[in-house]
Amino acid sequence: MKFQLLIFSLAALFLTELSNILPTKQAKSFPIAQGNIRFVCSQSYDSINKKYVPATLAWNPQHKKPIVIWQNEDFSESGFNPQTRCEEVSPRFQEAYDNGSLKYLTYGTMNEQPVICTARFLGEDCDTLIITLRHQDNTEQTLQQLSDILLGYADAPLEQSSDDLVKVDNNRIYIEVNVENFLSQP
């Protein structure tokens, strides 16, 4: 939980510093799809620690915004340092966008690990893996924090109404995602 709070708190901070974001490295090349939107692993300047850190960015020719800032080393022992996680996760966002499953974000379990994933329709199971979490992480809270970023609430105090959440019969939360709106917000 501390891991996600740090990541998403820093992402909120970086949403206000878009001019400092330098897209320098993309994990995997994808053709520009649908609305001319790409998800890339790049570098974002951490003004607190005065260094560049890996960041998953959503961008189109007019805007670029960080979604996840990768600084936590918790997965490093298993071969997934922050840069590697950025390079793994950024193409997953692109894959989900390209295959149309980035319509809803939800959570589930894959390979006995909690995950944030996508679903094409309400009530469906995970379609595309986005982020693997630690067992001690709160999946609903992480999903909420990611929702706050994608809905443009992350630069405000963490006060989220349930209006943007849709619960289905099994009480799983689904967040509707509109990347075009996310990128068009100031």
N, C-alpha and C. Protein backbone atom coordinates (compact mmCIF):
# COMPACT_ATOMS: atom_id res chain seq x y z
N MET A 1 0.83 -1.17 0.00
CA MET A 1 0.00 0.00 0.00
C MET A 1 0.88 1.25 0.00
N LYS A 2 1.93 1.25 0.79
CA LYS A 2 2.85 2.37 0.84
C LYS A 2 3.47 2.59 -0.54
N PHE A 3 3.76 1.49 -1.23
CA PHE A 3 4.33 1.52 -2.57
C PHE A 3 3.43 2.29 -3.53
N GLN A 4 2.13 1.96 -3.55
CA GLN A 4 1.21 2.63 -4.45
C GLN A 4 0.99 4.08 -4.05
N LEU A 5 0.91 4.34 -2.74
CA LEU A 5 0.72 5.71 -2.30
C LEU A 5 1.87 6.58 -2.77
N LEU A 6 3.09 6.08 -2.66
CA LEU A 6 4.25 6.82 -3.12
C LEU A 6 4.20 7.03 -4.62
N ILE A 7 3.93 5.98 -5.36
CA ILE A 7 3.89 6.08 -6.82
C ILE A 7 2.84 7.08 -7.26
N PHE A 8 1.63 6.92 -6.75
CA PHE A 8 0.54 7.75 -7.24
C PHE A 8 0.59 9.16 -6.67
N SER A 9 1.16 9.35 -5.50
CA SER A 9 1.35 10.70 -4.98
C SER A 9 2.35 11.45 -5.84
N LEU A 10 3.41 10.77 -6.20
CA LEU A 10 4.40 11.40 -7.07
C LEU A 10 3.83 11.66 -8.46
N ALA A 11 2.99 10.77 -8.95
CA ALA A 11 2.35 11.01 -10.24
C ALA A 11 1.51 12.27 -10.20
N ALA A 12 0.81 12.48 -9.10
CA ALA A 12 0.00 13.69 -8.96
C ALA A 12 0.89 14.92 -8.98
N LEU A 13 2.02 14.86 -8.30
CA LEU A 13 2.96 15.96 -8.29
C LEU A 13 3.45 16.26 -9.70
N PHE A 14 3.75 15.23 -10.46
CA PHE A 14 4.29 15.43 -11.79
C PHE A 14 3.25 15.89 -12.80
N LEU A 15 1.98 15.70 -12.50
CA LEU A 15 0.94 16.21 -13.41
C LEU A 15 1.03 17.72 -13.54
N THR A 16 1.53 18.38 -12.51
CA THR A 16 1.65 19.83 -12.55
C THR A 16 2.96 20.29 -13.18
N GLU A 17 3.84 19.38 -13.45
CA GLU A 17 5.14 19.74 -14.01
C GLU A 17 5.34 19.13 -15.39
N LEU A 18 4.34 19.27 -16.24
CA LEU A 18 4.41 18.66 -17.57
C LEU A 18 5.55 19.20 -18.42
N SER A 19 5.94 20.42 -18.18
CA SER A 19 7.01 20.99 -18.99
C SER A 19 8.35 20.33 -18.71
N ASN A 20 8.48 19.63 -17.59
CA ASN A 20 9.73 18.96 -17.26
C ASN A 20 9.82 17.54 -17.77
N ILE A 21 8.79 17.07 -18.45
CA ILE A 21 8.77 15.68 -18.91
C ILE A 21 9.46 15.60 -20.26
N LEU A 22 10.42 14.72 -20.35
CA LEU A 22 11.16 14.55 -21.58
C LEU A 22 10.98 13.13 -22.10
N PRO A 23 10.17 12.92 -23.16
CA PRO A 23 10.04 11.56 -23.68
C PRO A 23 11.32 11.14 -24.38
N THR A 24 12.07 10.24 -23.74
CA THR A 24 13.36 9.87 -24.29
C THR A 24 13.48 8.41 -24.66
N LYS A 25 12.70 7.56 -24.03
CA LYS A 25 12.88 6.14 -24.28
C LYS A 25 11.54 5.45 -24.29
N GLN A 26 11.32 4.66 -25.30
CA GLN A 26 10.09 3.89 -25.38
C GLN A 26 10.46 2.42 -25.30
N ALA A 27 9.73 1.67 -24.49
CA ALA A 27 10.07 0.27 -24.27
C ALA A 27 9.89 -0.55 -25.52
N LYS A 28 8.84 -0.30 -26.26
CA LYS A 28 8.55 -1.08 -27.44
C LYS A 28 7.81 -0.18 -28.41
N SER A 29 8.12 -0.27 -29.66
CA SER A 29 7.47 0.59 -30.64
C SER A 29 6.12 0.03 -31.03
N PHE A 30 5.11 0.89 -30.97
CA PHE A 30 3.77 0.52 -31.38
C PHE A 30 3.31 1.52 -32.42
N PRO A 31 2.57 1.08 -33.43
CA PRO A 31 2.01 2.06 -34.36
C PRO A 31 1.02 2.94 -33.62
N ILE A 32 0.94 4.20 -34.03
CA ILE A 32 -0.02 5.09 -33.41
C ILE A 32 -1.40 4.61 -33.78
N ALA A 33 -2.23 4.40 -32.78
CA ALA A 33 -3.53 3.78 -32.99
C ALA A 33 -4.65 4.73 -32.64
N GLN A 34 -5.82 4.41 -33.09
CA GLN A 34 -7.06 5.07 -32.76
C GLN A 34 -6.88 6.58 -32.70
N GLY A 35 -6.92 7.17 -31.52
CA GLY A 35 -6.89 8.61 -31.35
C GLY A 35 -5.50 9.19 -31.32
N ASN A 36 -4.54 8.59 -31.98
CA ASN A 36 -3.18 9.12 -32.03
C ASN A 36 -2.53 9.14 -30.65
N ILE A 37 -2.89 8.20 -29.79
CA ILE A 37 -2.38 8.16 -28.42
C ILE A 37 -1.39 7.02 -28.28
N ARG A 38 -0.30 7.33 -27.57
CA ARG A 38 0.71 6.33 -27.27
C ARG A 38 0.99 6.30 -25.78
N PHE A 39 1.41 5.14 -25.33
CA PHE A 39 1.87 4.97 -23.95
C PHE A 39 3.33 4.57 -24.04
N VAL A 40 4.18 5.31 -23.34
CA VAL A 40 5.62 5.09 -23.45
C VAL A 40 6.27 5.08 -22.07
N CYS A 41 7.38 4.40 -22.00
CA CYS A 41 8.25 4.48 -20.84
C CYS A 41 9.26 5.57 -21.15
N SER A 42 9.30 6.57 -20.31
CA SER A 42 10.18 7.71 -20.53
C SER A 42 10.82 8.08 -19.19
N GLN A 43 11.29 9.29 -19.10
CA GLN A 43 11.85 9.81 -17.86
C GLN A 43 11.07 11.05 -17.46
N SER A 44 10.87 11.21 -16.16
CA SER A 44 10.21 12.39 -15.62
C SER A 44 11.09 12.94 -14.52
N TYR A 45 11.16 14.25 -14.42
CA TYR A 45 12.03 14.86 -13.42
C TYR A 45 11.35 14.90 -12.06
N ASP A 46 12.01 14.32 -11.07
CA ASP A 46 11.55 14.35 -9.69
C ASP A 46 12.20 15.57 -9.04
N SER A 47 11.43 16.65 -8.90
CA SER A 47 11.99 17.89 -8.38
C SER A 47 12.33 17.80 -6.89
N ILE A 48 11.73 16.86 -6.18
CA ILE A 48 12.04 16.69 -4.76
C ILE A 48 13.42 16.07 -4.60
N ASN A 49 13.68 14.98 -5.34
CA ASN A 49 14.97 14.29 -5.24
C ASN A 49 15.98 14.77 -6.26
N LYS A 50 15.56 15.72 -7.10
CA LYS A 50 16.44 16.33 -8.11
C LYS A 50 17.09 15.29 -9.03
N LYS A 51 16.25 14.40 -9.58
CA LYS A 51 16.76 13.41 -10.51
C LYS A 51 15.63 12.96 -11.44
N TYR A 52 16.02 12.37 -12.56
CA TYR A 52 15.05 11.80 -13.48
C TYR A 52 14.73 10.38 -13.05
N VAL A 53 13.46 10.02 -13.17
CA VAL A 53 13.01 8.69 -12.79
C VAL A 53 12.17 8.11 -13.92
N PRO A 54 12.11 6.78 -14.02
CA PRO A 54 11.26 6.17 -15.05
C PRO A 54 9.79 6.53 -14.82
N ALA A 55 9.07 6.75 -15.93
CA ALA A 55 7.66 7.11 -15.84
C ALA A 55 6.91 6.53 -17.03
N THR A 56 5.72 5.99 -16.78
CA THR A 56 4.82 5.59 -17.85
C THR A 56 4.00 6.81 -18.21
N LEU A 57 4.10 7.23 -19.47
CA LEU A 57 3.40 8.42 -19.94
C LEU A 57 2.34 8.06 -20.96
N ALA A 58 1.24 8.81 -20.94
CA ALA A 58 0.27 8.78 -22.04
C ALA A 58 0.54 10.06 -22.81
N TRP A 59 0.62 9.96 -24.14
CA TRP A 59 0.84 11.18 -24.91
C TRP A 59 0.20 11.10 -26.27
N ASN A 60 -0.11 12.29 -26.76
CA ASN A 60 -0.51 12.49 -28.15
C ASN A 60 0.29 13.70 -28.62
N PRO A 61 0.16 14.12 -29.88
CA PRO A 61 0.99 15.24 -30.34
C PRO A 61 0.79 16.54 -29.55
N GLN A 62 -0.33 16.71 -28.88
CA GLN A 62 -0.59 17.95 -28.16
C GLN A 62 -0.22 17.89 -26.67
N HIS A 63 -0.30 16.73 -26.06
CA HIS A 63 -0.12 16.62 -24.61
C HIS A 63 0.64 15.35 -24.25
N LYS A 64 1.28 15.40 -23.08
CA LYS A 64 1.88 14.21 -22.49
C LYS A 64 1.71 14.31 -20.99
N LYS A 65 1.30 13.20 -20.39
CA LYS A 65 1.05 13.19 -18.94
C LYS A 65 1.55 11.88 -18.34
N PRO A 66 2.17 11.97 -17.17
CA PRO A 66 2.59 10.75 -16.48
C PRO A 66 1.39 10.05 -15.86
N ILE A 67 1.39 8.75 -15.93
CA ILE A 67 0.37 7.94 -15.28
C ILE A 67 0.97 7.29 -14.04
N VAL A 68 2.17 6.72 -14.19
CA VAL A 68 2.85 6.05 -13.08
C VAL A 68 4.30 6.51 -13.06
N ILE A 69 4.78 6.88 -11.88
CA ILE A 69 6.18 7.21 -11.67
C ILE A 69 6.79 6.00 -10.95
N TRP A 70 7.86 5.47 -11.53
CA TRP A 70 8.45 4.22 -11.01
C TRP A 70 9.69 4.52 -10.19
N GLN A 71 9.60 4.41 -8.86
CA GLN A 71 10.75 4.64 -7.99
C GLN A 71 10.97 3.52 -6.99
N ASN A 72 9.94 2.76 -6.69
CA ASN A 72 10.02 1.74 -5.65
C ASN A 72 10.83 0.54 -6.12
N GLU A 73 11.69 0.06 -5.25
CA GLU A 73 12.59 -1.05 -5.56
C GLU A 73 12.07 -2.41 -5.08
N ASP A 74 10.82 -2.49 -4.63
CA ASP A 74 10.30 -3.73 -4.03
C ASP A 74 10.37 -4.95 -4.93
N PHE A 75 10.32 -4.77 -6.24
CA PHE A 75 10.35 -5.91 -7.15
C PHE A 75 11.76 -6.14 -7.73
N SER A 76 12.74 -5.35 -7.30
CA SER A 76 14.09 -5.44 -7.87
C SER A 76 14.74 -6.80 -7.65
N GLU A 77 14.53 -7.40 -6.48
CA GLU A 77 15.14 -8.70 -6.20
C GLU A 77 14.67 -9.77 -7.16
N SER A 78 13.48 -9.62 -7.70
CA SER A 78 12.98 -10.60 -8.66
C SER A 78 13.25 -10.15 -10.10
N GLY A 79 14.15 -9.18 -10.27
CA GLY A 79 14.56 -8.77 -11.61
C GLY A 79 13.75 -7.64 -12.22
N PHE A 80 12.91 -6.99 -11.43
CA PHE A 80 12.07 -5.92 -11.96
C PHE A 80 12.32 -4.62 -11.21
N ASN A 81 13.44 -3.95 -11.56
CA ASN A 81 13.72 -2.65 -10.97
C ASN A 81 12.76 -1.62 -11.57
N PRO A 82 12.76 -0.37 -11.09
CA PRO A 82 11.82 0.61 -11.62
C PRO A 82 11.87 0.79 -13.14
N GLN A 83 13.05 0.81 -13.72
CA GLN A 83 13.15 0.98 -15.17
C GLN A 83 12.53 -0.22 -15.90
N THR A 84 12.82 -1.42 -15.42
CA THR A 84 12.27 -2.62 -16.04
C THR A 84 10.75 -2.66 -15.92
N ARG A 85 10.23 -2.30 -14.75
CA ARG A 85 8.77 -2.26 -14.57
C ARG A 85 8.14 -1.24 -15.52
N CYS A 86 8.77 -0.10 -15.66
CA CYS A 86 8.27 0.91 -16.60
C CYS A 86 8.24 0.34 -18.02
N GLU A 87 9.31 -0.33 -18.41
CA GLU A 87 9.39 -0.91 -19.75
C GLU A 87 8.41 -2.05 -19.95
N GLU A 88 8.02 -2.73 -18.89
CA GLU A 88 7.04 -3.81 -18.97
C GLU A 88 5.61 -3.27 -18.99
N VAL A 89 5.31 -2.30 -18.16
CA VAL A 89 3.94 -1.82 -17.98
C VAL A 89 3.50 -0.88 -19.10
N SER A 90 4.37 -0.02 -19.59
CA SER A 90 3.97 0.95 -20.62
C SER A 90 3.40 0.27 -21.86
N PRO A 91 4.02 -0.78 -22.39
CA PRO A 91 3.42 -1.47 -23.54
C PRO A 91 2.10 -2.16 -23.20
N ARG A 92 1.89 -2.51 -21.94
CA ARG A 92 0.61 -3.12 -21.56
C ARG A 92 -0.52 -2.11 -21.68
N PHE A 93 -0.26 -0.86 -21.27
CA PHE A 93 -1.27 0.19 -21.48
C PHE A 93 -1.55 0.33 -22.97
N GLN A 94 -0.48 0.33 -23.78
CA GLN A 94 -0.65 0.48 -25.23
C GLN A 94 -1.44 -0.69 -25.81
N GLU A 95 -1.10 -1.90 -25.39
CA GLU A 95 -1.81 -3.09 -25.87
C GLU A 95 -3.30 -3.00 -25.53
N ALA A 96 -3.59 -2.61 -24.30
CA ALA A 96 -5.00 -2.50 -23.87
C ALA A 96 -5.72 -1.41 -24.66
N TYR A 97 -5.04 -0.32 -24.92
CA TYR A 97 -5.64 0.76 -25.72
C TYR A 97 -5.90 0.27 -27.14
N ASP A 98 -4.89 -0.36 -27.73
CA ASP A 98 -5.00 -0.83 -29.11
C ASP A 98 -6.06 -1.92 -29.28
N ASN A 99 -6.18 -2.83 -28.30
CA ASN A 99 -7.13 -3.93 -28.45
C ASN A 99 -8.52 -3.59 -27.93
N GLY A 100 -8.71 -2.35 -27.47
CA GLY A 100 -10.02 -1.89 -27.05
C GLY A 100 -10.43 -2.29 -25.65
N SER A 101 -9.52 -2.89 -24.88
CA SER A 101 -9.89 -3.32 -23.53
C SER A 101 -9.62 -2.26 -22.47
N LEU A 102 -9.08 -1.11 -22.87
CA LEU A 102 -8.81 -0.05 -21.89
C LEU A 102 -10.08 0.76 -21.59
N LYS A 103 -11.21 0.19 -21.91
CA LYS A 103 -12.49 0.85 -21.61
C LYS A 103 -12.75 0.89 -20.11
N TYR A 104 -12.42 -0.19 -19.40
CA TYR A 104 -12.60 -0.24 -17.95
C TYR A 104 -11.33 -0.77 -17.29
N LEU A 105 -10.94 -0.14 -16.19
CA LEU A 105 -9.89 -0.67 -15.32
C LEU A 105 -10.56 -1.37 -14.16
N THR A 106 -10.02 -2.50 -13.77
CA THR A 106 -10.53 -3.23 -12.62
C THR A 106 -9.35 -3.94 -11.95
N TYR A 107 -9.63 -4.87 -11.11
CA TYR A 107 -8.57 -5.62 -10.43
C TYR A 107 -8.92 -7.09 -10.43
N GLY A 108 -7.91 -7.89 -10.21
CA GLY A 108 -8.13 -9.32 -10.17
C GLY A 108 -6.88 -10.01 -9.68
N THR A 109 -6.75 -11.28 -10.03
CA THR A 109 -5.59 -12.08 -9.65
C THR A 109 -5.10 -12.82 -10.88
N MET A 110 -3.81 -12.76 -11.12
CA MET A 110 -3.17 -13.52 -12.20
C MET A 110 -1.92 -14.16 -11.63
N ASN A 111 -1.72 -15.42 -11.90
CA ASN A 111 -0.57 -16.16 -11.37
C ASN A 111 -0.45 -15.97 -9.86
N GLU A 112 -1.59 -16.00 -9.18
CA GLU A 112 -1.66 -15.87 -7.72
C GLU A 112 -1.13 -14.53 -7.20
N GLN A 113 -1.08 -13.50 -8.05
CA GLN A 113 -0.66 -12.16 -7.66
C GLN A 113 -1.83 -11.20 -7.88
N PRO A 114 -2.03 -10.23 -6.98
CA PRO A 114 -3.05 -9.21 -7.24
C PRO A 114 -2.59 -8.31 -8.38
N VAL A 115 -3.54 -7.92 -9.23
CA VAL A 115 -3.19 -7.10 -10.40
C VAL A 115 -4.25 -6.04 -10.64
N ILE A 116 -3.83 -4.99 -11.33
CA ILE A 116 -4.74 -4.03 -11.96
C ILE A 116 -4.77 -4.45 -13.42
N CYS A 117 -5.98 -4.53 -13.98
CA CYS A 117 -6.13 -5.04 -15.33
C CYS A 117 -7.26 -4.29 -16.03
N THR A 118 -7.52 -4.64 -17.28
CA THR A 118 -8.59 -4.00 -18.03
C THR A 118 -9.69 -5.01 -18.31
N ALA A 119 -10.86 -4.46 -18.62
CA ALA A 119 -12.01 -5.27 -19.04
C ALA A 119 -12.74 -4.49 -20.13
N ARG A 120 -13.21 -5.19 -21.14
CA ARG A 120 -13.94 -4.54 -22.23
C ARG A 120 -15.35 -4.14 -21.82
N PHE A 121 -15.95 -4.93 -20.91
CA PHE A 121 -17.33 -4.71 -20.50
C PHE A 121 -17.46 -4.85 -18.99
N LEU A 122 -18.45 -4.19 -18.42
CA LEU A 122 -18.74 -4.34 -16.99
C LEU A 122 -19.03 -5.80 -16.67
N GLY A 123 -18.49 -6.26 -15.57
CA GLY A 123 -18.75 -7.61 -15.12
C GLY A 123 -17.80 -8.65 -15.67
N GLU A 124 -16.98 -8.28 -16.64
CA GLU A 124 -16.03 -9.24 -17.20
C GLU A 124 -14.81 -9.37 -16.32
N ASP A 125 -14.15 -10.51 -16.45
CA ASP A 125 -12.88 -10.72 -15.77
C ASP A 125 -11.79 -9.93 -16.48
N CYS A 126 -10.59 -10.02 -15.94
CA CYS A 126 -9.44 -9.31 -16.52
C CYS A 126 -9.22 -9.72 -17.97
N ASP A 127 -8.94 -8.74 -18.80
CA ASP A 127 -8.62 -8.97 -20.20
C ASP A 127 -7.13 -8.79 -20.42
N THR A 128 -6.61 -7.61 -20.08
CA THR A 128 -5.20 -7.30 -20.28
C THR A 128 -4.58 -6.89 -18.94
N LEU A 129 -3.51 -7.57 -18.55
CA LEU A 129 -2.77 -7.22 -17.34
C LEU A 129 -2.14 -5.85 -17.53
N ILE A 130 -2.27 -4.98 -16.52
CA ILE A 130 -1.60 -3.68 -16.55
C ILE A 130 -0.46 -3.65 -15.54
N ILE A 131 -0.77 -3.78 -14.25
CA ILE A 131 0.24 -3.66 -13.20
C ILE A 131 0.08 -4.81 -12.20
N THR A 132 1.20 -5.47 -11.90
CA THR A 132 1.22 -6.48 -10.85
C THR A 132 1.50 -5.79 -9.52
N LEU A 133 0.74 -6.16 -8.51
CA LEU A 133 0.89 -5.57 -7.18
C LEU A 133 1.49 -6.59 -6.22
N ARG A 134 1.89 -6.09 -5.06
CA ARG A 134 2.36 -6.98 -4.00
C ARG A 134 1.14 -7.52 -3.26
N HIS A 135 1.29 -8.66 -2.60
CA HIS A 135 0.17 -9.26 -1.86
C HIS A 135 -0.37 -8.32 -0.79
N GLN A 136 0.50 -7.52 -0.18
CA GLN A 136 0.05 -6.63 0.90
C GLN A 136 -0.61 -5.36 0.39
N ASP A 137 -0.58 -5.11 -0.92
CA ASP A 137 -1.20 -3.90 -1.47
C ASP A 137 -2.72 -4.02 -1.50
N ASN A 138 -3.39 -2.92 -1.30
CA ASN A 138 -4.85 -2.85 -1.35
C ASN A 138 -5.24 -2.57 -2.80
N THR A 139 -5.78 -3.57 -3.48
CA THR A 139 -6.09 -3.43 -4.91
C THR A 139 -7.14 -2.36 -5.16
N GLU A 140 -8.16 -2.28 -4.32
CA GLU A 140 -9.20 -1.27 -4.52
C GLU A 140 -8.64 0.13 -4.35
N GLN A 141 -7.79 0.33 -3.36
CA GLN A 141 -7.19 1.64 -3.14
C GLN A 141 -6.27 2.01 -4.31
N THR A 142 -5.50 1.06 -4.78
CA THR A 142 -4.62 1.32 -5.92
C THR A 142 -5.44 1.66 -7.15
N LEU A 143 -6.51 0.93 -7.38
CA LEU A 143 -7.39 1.22 -8.50
C LEU A 143 -7.99 2.62 -8.36
N GLN A 144 -8.38 2.99 -7.16
CA GLN A 144 -8.93 4.32 -6.92
C GLN A 144 -7.91 5.41 -7.21
N GLN A 145 -6.66 5.20 -6.79
CA GLN A 145 -5.61 6.18 -7.03
C GLN A 145 -5.33 6.32 -8.53
N LEU A 146 -5.31 5.22 -9.24
CA LEU A 146 -5.12 5.27 -10.68
C LEU A 146 -6.30 5.98 -11.34
N SER A 147 -7.48 5.72 -10.85
CA SER A 147 -8.67 6.41 -11.34
C SER A 147 -8.55 7.91 -11.14
N ASP A 148 -8.10 8.33 -9.96
CA ASP A 148 -7.95 9.75 -9.67
C ASP A 148 -7.00 10.42 -10.67
N ILE A 149 -5.94 9.72 -11.03
CA ILE A 149 -5.00 10.27 -12.00
C ILE A 149 -5.65 10.38 -13.37
N LEU A 150 -6.28 9.30 -13.83
CA LEU A 150 -6.86 9.29 -15.17
C LEU A 150 -8.09 10.19 -15.29
N LEU A 151 -8.77 10.47 -14.18
CA LEU A 151 -9.93 11.35 -14.21
C LEU A 151 -9.55 12.80 -13.90
N GLY A 152 -8.26 13.06 -13.64
CA GLY A 152 -7.81 14.42 -13.41
C GLY A 152 -8.01 14.93 -12.00
N TYR A 153 -8.27 14.04 -11.04
CA TYR A 153 -8.48 14.46 -9.66
C TYR A 153 -7.21 14.43 -8.83
N ALA A 154 -6.14 13.91 -9.36
CA ALA A 154 -4.95 13.63 -8.55
C ALA A 154 -4.26 14.88 -8.04
N ASP A 155 -4.47 16.04 -8.67
CA ASP A 155 -3.82 17.24 -8.19
C ASP A 155 -4.61 17.90 -7.06
N ALA A 156 -5.75 17.33 -6.70
CA ALA A 156 -6.57 17.82 -5.59
C ALA A 156 -6.44 16.84 -4.43
N PRO A 157 -6.90 17.24 -3.26
CA PRO A 157 -6.91 16.28 -2.14
C PRO A 157 -7.67 15.02 -2.52
N LEU A 158 -7.28 13.92 -1.96
CA LEU A 158 -7.88 12.63 -2.31
C LEU A 158 -9.29 12.54 -1.76
N GLU A 159 -10.23 13.14 -2.51
CA GLU A 159 -11.65 13.10 -2.17
C GLU A 159 -12.36 12.62 -3.41
N GLN A 160 -12.65 11.36 -3.45
CA GLN A 160 -13.29 10.79 -4.63
C GLN A 160 -14.69 10.36 -4.29
N SER A 161 -15.67 10.86 -5.05
CA SER A 161 -17.03 10.37 -4.85
C SER A 161 -17.15 9.06 -5.59
N SER A 162 -18.18 8.33 -5.28
CA SER A 162 -18.36 7.03 -5.93
C SER A 162 -19.05 7.18 -7.28
N ASP A 163 -19.29 8.41 -7.73
CA ASP A 163 -19.99 8.61 -9.00
C ASP A 163 -19.24 8.03 -10.19
N ASP A 164 -17.92 7.96 -10.12
CA ASP A 164 -17.15 7.47 -11.25
C ASP A 164 -16.89 5.97 -11.15
N LEU A 165 -17.34 5.34 -10.09
CA LEU A 165 -17.14 3.91 -9.91
C LEU A 165 -18.42 3.19 -10.26
N VAL A 166 -18.28 2.05 -10.88
CA VAL A 166 -19.44 1.22 -11.18
C VAL A 166 -19.20 -0.12 -10.52
N LYS A 167 -20.11 -0.53 -9.66
CA LYS A 167 -19.98 -1.85 -9.02
C LYS A 167 -20.95 -2.80 -9.69
N VAL A 168 -20.52 -4.01 -9.88
CA VAL A 168 -21.38 -5.03 -10.48
C VAL A 168 -21.72 -6.07 -9.42
N ASP A 169 -22.43 -7.08 -9.81
CA ASP A 169 -22.96 -8.06 -8.87
C ASP A 169 -21.92 -8.64 -7.91
N ASN A 170 -20.75 -8.90 -8.39
CA ASN A 170 -19.74 -9.52 -7.52
C ASN A 170 -18.96 -8.49 -6.71
N ASN A 171 -19.42 -7.26 -6.67
CA ASN A 171 -18.80 -6.16 -5.92
C ASN A 171 -17.41 -5.79 -6.41
N ARG A 172 -17.04 -6.21 -7.58
CA ARG A 172 -15.77 -5.79 -8.15
C ARG A 172 -15.96 -4.39 -8.73
N ILE A 173 -14.98 -3.53 -8.52
CA ILE A 173 -15.05 -2.15 -9.00
C ILE A 173 -14.51 -2.08 -10.42
N TYR A 174 -15.22 -1.34 -11.26
CA TYR A 174 -14.79 -1.07 -12.62
C TYR A 174 -14.74 0.44 -12.81
N ILE A 175 -13.61 0.96 -13.28
CA ILE A 175 -13.45 2.39 -13.54
C ILE A 175 -13.51 2.60 -15.04
N GLU A 176 -14.41 3.44 -15.49
CA GLU A 176 -14.48 3.74 -16.92
C GLU A 176 -13.34 4.68 -17.28
N VAL A 177 -12.63 4.35 -18.35
CA VAL A 177 -11.44 5.10 -18.75
C VAL A 177 -11.69 5.77 -20.09
N ASN A 178 -11.33 7.06 -20.18
CA ASN A 178 -11.36 7.78 -21.44
C ASN A 178 -10.03 8.51 -21.56
N VAL A 179 -9.08 7.90 -22.25
CA VAL A 179 -7.73 8.44 -22.35
C VAL A 179 -7.72 9.77 -23.09
N GLU A 180 -8.58 9.91 -24.09
CA GLU A 180 -8.65 11.16 -24.83
C GLU A 180 -9.01 12.32 -23.90
N ASN A 181 -9.99 12.12 -23.03
CA ASN A 181 -10.35 13.16 -22.05
C ASN A 181 -9.20 13.43 -21.09
N PHE A 182 -8.54 12.38 -20.63
CA PHE A 182 -7.41 12.52 -19.72
C PHE A 182 -6.34 13.43 -20.32
N LEU A 183 -6.00 13.18 -21.58
CA LEU A 183 -4.95 13.97 -22.22
C LEU A 183 -5.40 15.39 -22.57
N SER A 184 -6.69 15.62 -22.68
CA SER A 184 -7.16 16.96 -23.04
C SER A 184 -7.30 17.87 -21.82
N GLN A 185 -7.20 17.31 -20.61
CA GLN A 185 -7.31 18.12 -19.39
C GLN A 185 -6.02 18.91 -19.17
N PRO A 186 -6.16 20.15 -18.68
CA PRO A 186 -4.95 20.96 -18.43
C PRO A 186 -4.10 20.39 -17.32
